[in-house]
C-alpha atoms as a PDB file:
ATOM      1  CA  UNK A   1      29.198  -4.672 -17.364  1.00  0.00           C
ATOM      2  CA  UNK A   2      28.449  -7.950 -15.212  1.00  0.00           C
ATOM      3  CA  UNK A   3      24.984  -7.794 -13.883  1.00  0.00           C
ATOM      4  CA  UNK A   4      23.284  -9.895 -11.898  1.00  0.00           C
ATOM      5  CA  UNK A   5      21.375 -11.550 -14.789  1.00  0.00           C
ATOM      6  CA  UNK A   6      24.942 -12.153 -16.434  1.00  0.00           C
ATOM      7  CA  UNK A   7      26.381 -14.060 -13.334  1.00  0.00           C
ATOM      8  CA  UNK A   8      23.431 -16.337 -13.318  1.00  0.00           C
ATOM      9  CA  UNK A   9      23.381 -17.052 -16.905  1.00  0.00           C
ATOM     10  CA  UNK A  10      27.195 -17.838 -16.805  1.00  0.00           C
ATOM     11  CA  UNK A  11      27.023 -20.316 -13.790  1.00  0.00           C
ATOM     12  CA  UNK A  12      23.793 -21.873 -15.150  1.00  0.00           C
ATOM     13  CA  UNK A  13      25.759 -22.425 -18.395  1.00  0.00           C
ATOM     14  CA  UNK A  14      28.625 -23.986 -15.789  1.00  0.00           C
ATOM     15  CA  UNK A  15      26.418 -26.379 -14.493  1.00  0.00           C
ATOM     16  CA  UNK A  16      24.944 -27.553 -17.309  1.00  0.00           C
ATOM     17  CA  UNK A  17      28.193 -28.234 -19.134  1.00  0.00           C
ATOM     18  CA  UNK A  18      28.896 -30.780 -16.510  1.00  0.00           C
ATOM     19  CA  UNK A  19      25.623 -32.585 -17.401  1.00  0.00           C
ATOM     20  CA  UNK A  20      23.761 -31.007 -14.461  1.00  0.00           C
ATOM     21  CA  UNK A  21      20.255 -29.135 -13.767  1.00  0.00           C
ATOM     22  CA  UNK A  22      20.300 -26.016 -12.220  1.00  0.00           C
ATOM     23  CA  UNK A  23      17.149 -25.829  -9.647  1.00  0.00           C
ATOM     24  CA  UNK A  24      17.414 -22.334  -8.737  1.00  0.00           C
ATOM     25  CA  UNK A  25      15.564 -19.442 -10.762  1.00  0.00           C
ATOM     26  CA  UNK A  26      17.623 -16.850  -9.701  1.00  0.00           C
ATOM     27  CA  UNK A  27      21.143 -15.478  -8.541  1.00  0.00           C
ATOM     28  CA  UNK A  28      21.940 -15.796  -4.898  1.00  0.00           C
ATOM     29  CA  UNK A  29      25.625 -14.878  -4.701  1.00  0.00           C
ATOM     30  CA  UNK A  30      28.600 -15.889  -5.510  1.00  0.00           C
ATOM     31  CA  UNK A  31      29.510 -17.506  -2.220  1.00  0.00           C
ATOM     32  CA  UNK A  32      25.882 -19.251  -1.572  1.00  0.00           C
ATOM     33  CA  UNK A  33      24.978 -22.418  -2.442  1.00  0.00           C
ATOM     34  CA  UNK A  34      22.636 -22.880  -5.319  1.00  0.00           C
ATOM     35  CA  UNK A  35      20.397 -25.824  -5.733  1.00  0.00           C
ATOM     36  CA  UNK A  36      21.414 -28.422  -8.559  1.00  0.00           C
ATOM     37  CA  UNK A  37      21.194 -32.269  -9.645  1.00  0.00           C
ATOM     38  CA  UNK A  38      24.405 -33.584 -10.727  1.00  0.00           C
ATOM     39  CA  UNK A  39      24.919 -35.852 -14.031  1.00  0.00           C
ATOM     40  CA  UNK A  40      24.292 -38.668 -11.427  1.00  0.00           C
ATOM     41  CA  UNK A  41      20.996 -37.602 -10.082  1.00  0.00           C
ATOM     42  CA  UNK A  42      22.580 -36.353  -6.769  1.00  0.00           C
ATOM     43  CA  UNK A  43      21.076 -33.385  -4.988  1.00  0.00           C
ATOM     44  CA  UNK A  44      23.829 -30.835  -4.200  1.00  0.00           C
ATOM     45  CA  UNK A  45      24.115 -27.144  -3.733  1.00  0.00           C
ATOM     46  CA  UNK A  46      27.584 -25.826  -4.917  1.00  0.00           C
ATOM     47  CA  UNK A  47      28.576 -22.131  -4.874  1.00  0.00           C
ATOM     48  CA  UNK A  48      29.158 -20.371  -8.083  1.00  0.00           C
ATOM     49  CA  UNK A  49      32.945 -19.265  -6.611  1.00  0.00           C
ATOM     50  CA  UNK A  50      33.774 -22.984  -6.110  1.00  0.00           C
ATOM     51  CA  UNK A  51      32.526 -24.143  -9.165  1.00  0.00           C
ATOM     52  CA  UNK A  52      34.494 -21.440 -11.213  1.00  0.00           C
ATOM     53  CA  UNK A  53      37.570 -22.822  -9.336  1.00  0.00           C
ATOM     54  CA  UNK A  54      37.261 -25.878 -10.818  1.00  0.00           C
ATOM     55  CA  UNK A  55      35.668 -27.897  -7.736  1.00  0.00           C
ATOM     56  CA  UNK A  56      32.902 -29.445  -9.887  1.00  0.00           C
ATOM     57  CA  UNK A  57      28.935 -29.141  -8.917  1.00  0.00           C
ATOM     58  CA  UNK A  58      28.560 -32.697  -6.793  1.00  0.00           C
ATOM     59  CA  UNK A  59      30.628 -33.399  -3.876  1.00  0.00           C
ATOM     60  CA  UNK A  60      29.219 -36.974  -3.527  1.00  0.00           C
ATOM     61  CA  UNK A  61      30.467 -37.341  -6.920  1.00  0.00           C
ATOM     62  CA  UNK A  62      33.950 -36.187  -5.885  1.00  0.00           C
ATOM     63  CA  UNK A  63      34.004 -38.561  -2.914  1.00  0.00           C
ATOM     64  CA  UNK A  64      33.831 -35.557  -0.433  1.00  0.00           C
ATOM     65  CA  UNK A  65      30.607 -35.390   0.929  1.00  0.00           C
ATOM     66  CA  UNK A  66      30.173 -33.195   3.918  1.00  0.00           C
ATOM     67  CA  UNK A  67      29.637 -35.369   6.780  1.00  0.00           C
ATOM     68  CA  UNK A  68      31.416 -34.083   9.941  1.00  0.00           C
ATOM     69  CA  UNK A  69      30.672 -31.236  12.028  1.00  0.00           C
ATOM     70  CA  UNK A  70      32.803 -29.590  14.534  1.00  0.00           C
ATOM     71  CA  UNK A  71      33.110 -26.590  17.246  1.00  0.00           C
ATOM     72  CA  UNK A  72      36.464 -25.370  18.065  1.00  0.00           C
ATOM     73  CA  UNK A  73      37.320 -22.576  20.657  1.00  0.00           C
ATOM     74  CA  UNK A  74      40.329 -20.062  20.916  1.00  0.00           C
ATOM     75  CA  UNK A  75      40.745 -19.094  24.701  1.00  0.00           C
ATOM     76  CA  UNK A  76      43.188 -16.006  24.103  1.00  0.00           C
ATOM     77  CA  UNK A  77      40.977 -14.324  21.317  1.00  0.00           C
ATOM     78  CA  UNK A  78      37.689 -15.716  23.042  1.00  0.00           C
ATOM     79  CA  UNK A  79      35.998 -16.587  19.668  1.00  0.00           C
ATOM     80  CA  UNK A  80      34.581 -20.010  18.644  1.00  0.00           C
ATOM     81  CA  UNK A  81      34.350 -21.558  15.193  1.00  0.00           C
ATOM     82  CA  UNK A  82      32.199 -24.257  13.642  1.00  0.00           C
ATOM     83  CA  UNK A  83      32.134 -25.780  10.522  1.00  0.00           C
ATOM     84  CA  UNK A  84      32.149 -29.240   8.396  1.00  0.00           C
ATOM     85  CA  UNK A  85      34.223 -31.309   6.916  1.00  0.00           C
ATOM     86  CA  UNK A  86      34.650 -34.514   4.742  1.00  0.00           C
ATOM     87  CA  UNK A  87      35.545 -38.186   6.415  1.00  0.00           C
ATOM     88  CA  UNK A  88      38.615 -37.682   9.082  1.00  0.00           C
ATOM     89  CA  UNK A  89      38.367 -34.017  10.359  1.00  0.00           C
ATOM     90  CA  UNK A  90      41.861 -34.518  12.015  1.00  0.00           C
ATOM     91  CA  UNK A  91      43.610 -32.300   9.424  1.00  0.00           C
ATOM     92  CA  UNK A  92      41.049 -29.805   9.471  1.00  0.00           C
ATOM     93  CA  UNK A  93      40.889 -29.358  13.055  1.00  0.00           C
ATOM     94  CA  UNK A  94      45.070 -29.589  13.012  1.00  0.00           C
ATOM     95  CA  UNK A  95      44.709 -26.248  10.591  1.00  0.00           C
ATOM     96  CA  UNK A  96      42.477 -24.636  13.207  1.00  0.00           C
ATOM     97  CA  UNK A  97      45.006 -25.730  15.981  1.00  0.00           C
ATOM     98  CA  UNK A  98      47.674 -23.560  14.072  1.00  0.00           C
ATOM     99  CA  UNK A  99      45.045 -20.654  14.531  1.00  0.00           C
ATOM    100  CA  UNK A 100      44.826 -21.055  18.019  1.00  0.00           C
ATOM    101  CA  UNK A 101      41.367 -22.767  18.244  1.00  0.00           C
ATOM    102  CA  UNK A 102      42.666 -25.611  20.554  1.00  0.00           C
ATOM    103  CA  UNK A 103      39.914 -26.505  22.585  1.00  0.00           C
ATOM    104  CA  UNK A 104      37.542 -29.119  20.556  1.00  0.00           C
ATOM    105  CA  UNK A 105      34.007 -28.702  22.324  1.00  0.00           C
ATOM    106  CA  UNK A 106      31.975 -30.644  19.493  1.00  0.00           C
ATOM    107  CA  UNK A 107      33.086 -33.194  16.739  1.00  0.00           C
ATOM    108  CA  UNK A 108      30.573 -35.339  15.401  1.00  0.00           C
ATOM    109  CA  UNK A 109      30.250 -37.743  12.197  1.00  0.00           C
ATOM    110  CA  UNK A 110      26.418 -36.869  10.746  1.00  0.00           C
ATOM    111  CA  UNK A 111      25.166 -37.201   7.327  1.00  0.00           C
ATOM    112  CA  UNK A 112      23.155 -34.060   7.273  1.00  0.00           C
ATOM    113  CA  UNK A 113      26.431 -31.901   8.164  1.00  0.00           C
ATOM    114  CA  UNK A 114      25.836 -29.302   6.066  1.00  0.00           C
ATOM    115  CA  UNK A 115      22.088 -28.848   7.210  1.00  0.00           C
ATOM    116  CA  UNK A 116      23.244 -28.449  10.756  1.00  0.00           C
ATOM    117  CA  UNK A 117      25.806 -25.978   9.899  1.00  0.00           C
ATOM    118  CA  UNK A 118      23.244 -23.832   8.364  1.00  0.00           C
ATOM    119  CA  UNK A 119      20.799 -24.364  11.410  1.00  0.00           C
ATOM    120  CA  UNK A 120      23.592 -22.973  13.303  1.00  0.00           C
ATOM    121  CA  UNK A 121      24.213 -19.761  11.234  1.00  0.00           C
ATOM    122  CA  UNK A 122      20.403 -19.278  11.049  1.00  0.00           C
ATOM    123  CA  UNK A 123      19.980 -19.754  14.799  1.00  0.00           C
ATOM    124  CA  UNK A 124      22.517 -17.228  15.794  1.00  0.00           C
ATOM    125  CA  UNK A 125      21.258 -14.693  13.288  1.00  0.00           C
ATOM    126  CA  UNK A 126      18.023 -14.864  15.036  1.00  0.00           C
ATOM    127  CA  UNK A 127      19.504 -14.686  18.572  1.00  0.00           C
ATOM    128  CA  UNK A 128      21.254 -11.299  17.228  1.00  0.00           C
ATOM    129  CA  UNK A 129      24.813 -12.738  16.969  1.00  0.00           C
ATOM    130  CA  UNK A 130      26.547 -11.190  13.809  1.00  0.00           C
ATOM    131  CA  UNK A 131      29.822 -13.127  12.552  1.00  0.00           C
ATOM    132  CA  UNK A 132      33.342 -11.847  13.037  1.00  0.00           C
ATOM    133  CA  UNK A 133      34.768 -13.306  10.055  1.00  0.00           C
ATOM    134  CA  UNK A 134      33.560 -15.189   7.535  1.00  0.00           C
ATOM    135  CA  UNK A 135      30.136 -17.164   8.584  1.00  0.00           C
ATOM    136  CA  UNK A 136      31.370 -19.420  11.173  1.00  0.00           C
ATOM    137  CA  UNK A 137      33.323 -17.130  13.543  1.00  0.00           C
ATOM    138  CA  UNK A 138      31.702 -15.582  16.535  1.00  0.00           C
ATOM    139  CA  UNK A 139      32.213 -13.869  19.424  1.00  0.00           C
ATOM    140  CA  UNK A 140      32.797 -16.649  22.465  1.00  0.00           C
ATOM    141  CA  UNK A 141      29.090 -16.067  24.050  1.00  0.00           C
ATOM    142  CA  UNK A 142      27.734 -17.365  20.562  1.00  0.00           C
ATOM    143  CA  UNK A 143      28.965 -20.875  21.472  1.00  0.00           C
ATOM    144  CA  UNK A 144      26.049 -21.729  23.807  1.00  0.00           C
ATOM    145  CA  UNK A 145      23.752 -21.046  21.052  1.00  0.00           C
ATOM    146  CA  UNK A 146      25.531 -23.144  18.516  1.00  0.00           C
ATOM    147  CA  UNK A 147      25.828 -26.118  21.414  1.00  0.00           C
ATOM    148  CA  UNK A 148      22.058 -25.770  21.857  1.00  0.00           C
ATOM    149  CA  UNK A 149      21.394 -26.543  18.090  1.00  0.00           C
ATOM    150  CA  UNK A 150      24.065 -29.449  17.867  1.00  0.00           C
ATOM    151  CA  UNK A 151      23.189 -31.056  21.304  1.00  0.00           C
ATOM    152  CA  UNK A 152      19.352 -31.401  19.952  1.00  0.00           C
ATOM    153  CA  UNK A 153      20.346 -32.315  16.624  1.00  0.00           C
ATOM    154  CA  UNK A 154      19.490 -35.692  15.403  1.00  0.00           C
ATOM    155  CA  UNK A 155      22.654 -38.067  14.955  1.00  0.00           C
ATOM    156  CA  UNK A 156      22.979 -41.786  14.704  1.00  0.00           C
ATOM    157  CA  UNK A 157      23.902 -43.498  17.675  1.00  0.00           C
ATOM    158  CA  UNK A 158      27.174 -45.140  15.931  1.00  0.00           C
ATOM    159  CA  UNK A 159      28.533 -41.999  15.030  1.00  0.00           C
ATOM    160  CA  UNK A 160      32.055 -41.105  16.122  1.00  0.00           C
ATOM    161  CA  UNK A 161      32.087 -37.965  18.359  1.00  0.00           C
ATOM    162  CA  UNK A 162      33.533 -35.925  20.532  1.00  0.00           C
ATOM    163  CA  UNK A 163      31.439 -34.483  23.144  1.00  0.00           C
ATOM    164  CA  UNK A 164      33.116 -32.224  25.945  1.00  0.00           C
ATOM    165  CA  UNK A 165      31.299 -29.590  28.187  1.00  0.00           C
ATOM    166  CA  UNK A 166      32.621 -26.094  27.626  1.00  0.00           C
ATOM    167  CA  UNK A 167      35.499 -25.300  30.052  1.00  0.00           C
ATOM    168  CA  UNK A 168      34.299 -22.989  32.867  1.00  0.00           C
ATOM    169  CA  UNK A 169      36.472 -20.196  32.277  1.00  0.00           C
ATOM    170  CA  UNK A 170      35.214 -19.935  28.680  1.00  0.00           C
ATOM    171  CA  UNK A 171      31.378 -19.653  29.685  1.00  0.00           C
ATOM    172  CA  UNK A 172      29.832 -16.445  30.054  1.00  0.00           C
ATOM    173  CA  UNK A 173      27.840 -15.718  33.077  1.00  0.00           C
ATOM    174  CA  UNK A 174      24.511 -16.711  31.741  1.00  0.00           C
ATOM    175  CA  UNK A 175      25.644 -19.824  30.795  1.00  0.00           C
ATOM    176  CA  UNK A 176      27.274 -20.219  34.278  1.00  0.00           C
ATOM    177  CA  UNK A 177      23.998 -19.636  36.025  1.00  0.00           C
ATOM    178  CA  UNK A 178      21.945 -21.982  34.117  1.00  0.00           C
ATOM    179  CA  UNK A 179      24.702 -24.804  34.432  1.00  0.00           C
ATOM    180  CA  UNK A 180      24.714 -24.363  38.098  1.00  0.00           C
ATOM    181  CA  UNK A 181      20.553 -23.964  38.350  1.00  0.00           C
ATOM    182  CA  UNK A 182      20.484 -27.108  36.296  1.00  0.00           C
ATOM    183  CA  UNK A 183      23.131 -29.382  38.216  1.00  0.00           C
ATOM    184  CA  UNK A 184      20.878 -28.228  41.466  1.00  0.00           C
ATOM    185  CA  UNK A 185      17.763 -29.432  39.863  1.00  0.00           C
ATOM    186  CA  UNK A 186      19.297 -32.819  39.033  1.00  0.00           C
ATOM    187  CA  UNK A 187      21.327 -33.259  41.971  1.00  0.00           C
ATOM    188  CA  UNK A 188      18.883 -35.589  44.195  1.00  0.00           C
ATOM    189  CA  UNK A 189      18.082 -37.632  40.945  1.00  0.00           C
ATOM    190  CA  UNK A 190      21.668 -38.109  40.132  1.00  0.00           C
ATOM    191  CA  UNK A 191      21.476 -37.242  36.539  1.00  0.00           C
ATOM    192  CA  UNK A 192      24.562 -36.893  34.809  1.00  0.00           C
ATOM    193  CA  UNK A 193      23.867 -33.984  32.923  1.00  0.00           C
ATOM    194  CA  UNK A 194      25.963 -31.260  30.859  1.00  0.00           C
ATOM    195  CA  UNK A 195      25.483 -29.037  32.902  1.00  0.00           C
ATOM    196  CA  UNK A 196      27.348 -31.025  35.798  1.00  0.00           C
ATOM    197  CA  UNK A 197      30.101 -31.747  33.506  1.00  0.00           C
ATOM    198  CA  UNK A 198      30.521 -28.016  33.135  1.00  0.00           C
ATOM    199  CA  UNK A 199      30.413 -27.296  36.945  1.00  0.00           C
ATOM    200  CA  UNK A 200      33.181 -29.910  37.687  1.00  0.00           C
ATOM    201  CA  UNK A 201      35.339 -27.750  35.653  1.00  0.00           C
ATOM    202  CA  UNK A 202      34.569 -25.053  37.771  1.00  0.00           C
ATOM    203  CA  UNK A 203      35.262 -26.587  40.905  1.00  0.00           C
ATOM    204  CA  UNK A 204      38.447 -28.824  39.893  1.00  0.00           C
ATOM    205  CA  UNK A 205      36.077 -32.266  40.425  1.00  0.00           C
ATOM    206  CA  UNK A 206      37.520 -35.347  38.496  1.00  0.00           C
ATOM    207  CA  UNK A 207      35.795 -36.693  35.604  1.00  0.00           C
ATOM    208  CA  UNK A 208      33.433 -39.162  37.544  1.00  0.00           C
ATOM    209  CA  UNK A 209      33.237 -37.110  40.673  1.00  0.00           C
ATOM    210  CA  UNK A 210      29.900 -35.074  41.437  1.00  0.00           C
ATOM    211  CA  UNK A 211      30.213 -31.632  43.276  1.00  0.00           C
ATOM    212  CA  UNK A 212      28.527 -31.298  46.295  1.00  0.00           C
ATOM    213  CA  UNK A 213      25.496 -29.069  46.688  1.00  0.00           C
ATOM    214  CA  UNK A 214      27.283 -27.018  49.223  1.00  0.00           C
ATOM    215  CA  UNK A 215      30.450 -26.727  46.777  1.00  0.00           C
ATOM    216  CA  UNK A 216      28.011 -25.335  44.070  1.00  0.00           C
ATOM    217  CA  UNK A 217      26.196 -22.875  46.295  1.00  0.00           C
ATOM    218  CA  UNK A 218      29.777 -21.428  46.775  1.00  0.00           C
ATOM    219  CA  UNK A 219      30.264 -21.215  43.240  1.00  0.00           C
ATOM    220  CA  UNK A 220      27.097 -19.629  42.823  1.00  0.00           C
ATOM    221  CA  UNK A 221      27.940 -17.060  45.572  1.00  0.00           C
ATOM    222  CA  UNK A 222      31.245 -16.086  44.103  1.00  0.00           C
ATOM    223  CA  UNK A 223      30.073 -15.578  40.460  1.00  0.00           C
ATOM    224  CA  UNK A 224      30.629 -12.614  39.276  1.00  0.00           C
END
C-alpha cells in the first residue's frame, strides 16, 4: 500500500538523485510545489508529478524560469483564466485562443510571476471564489479580484506588458457601478484612470476620448 510517507520518501530520493535538497518536511500533494535547492543552489519549488514525468526540479537550470503572467477571458462561457509561462507568451496565448479565451486583459513580464499567480489564487479563495477547473479557471466575476491583485503588484517599469480594461459587457454589475463612481469622482481632475477606460467601452467613446458626465449618468440610470 502506498502511503503519504512512502510518497514523500520517494520524492525526496528523486530530488536527491539530481543533487538537490528537499526543504519540506512533509508531503504536500503531487500537484503542489515543494521547496527545494537544486544542485546549482537555485531555490525552486517543483511539483512531484512533474519531477516524476522527467521535467527536472529547477526551471532556472532548464532555462524555463516563470517570468510572464497573463489573464484571458472567454466571453461565450463567461470564464476567466490566468496563468504563467516562460519567455514569449505567444504560444501559450494561442492555445487559450483555440479554447475560446480571445480577450487578453493582462499580459506582463514579471520576475515574480509564480508568486503573483499564488497571490491571485489565495485572494480568490479568501473572497469565496472556487475554481471551476484546475487551479486557475474561474467564473467571470472573479476577474475583478484577479485584476485588483495584478494591478497592485510590483512590476518593473521596463517590462513588456498588455494592460487593457475589461470590456463593459463582461463586467458584472458591481464592477460597472464601481467604474462609473470612480470615473465621476475623477472627472474634474481629468485623471486617466482605469475606470474611465471601462466606461469608454460602455458608451463607444474612442481610445483617446473622454465620456461626458451626462453620458456617464445616462449609463448609470440604465444599469440593470
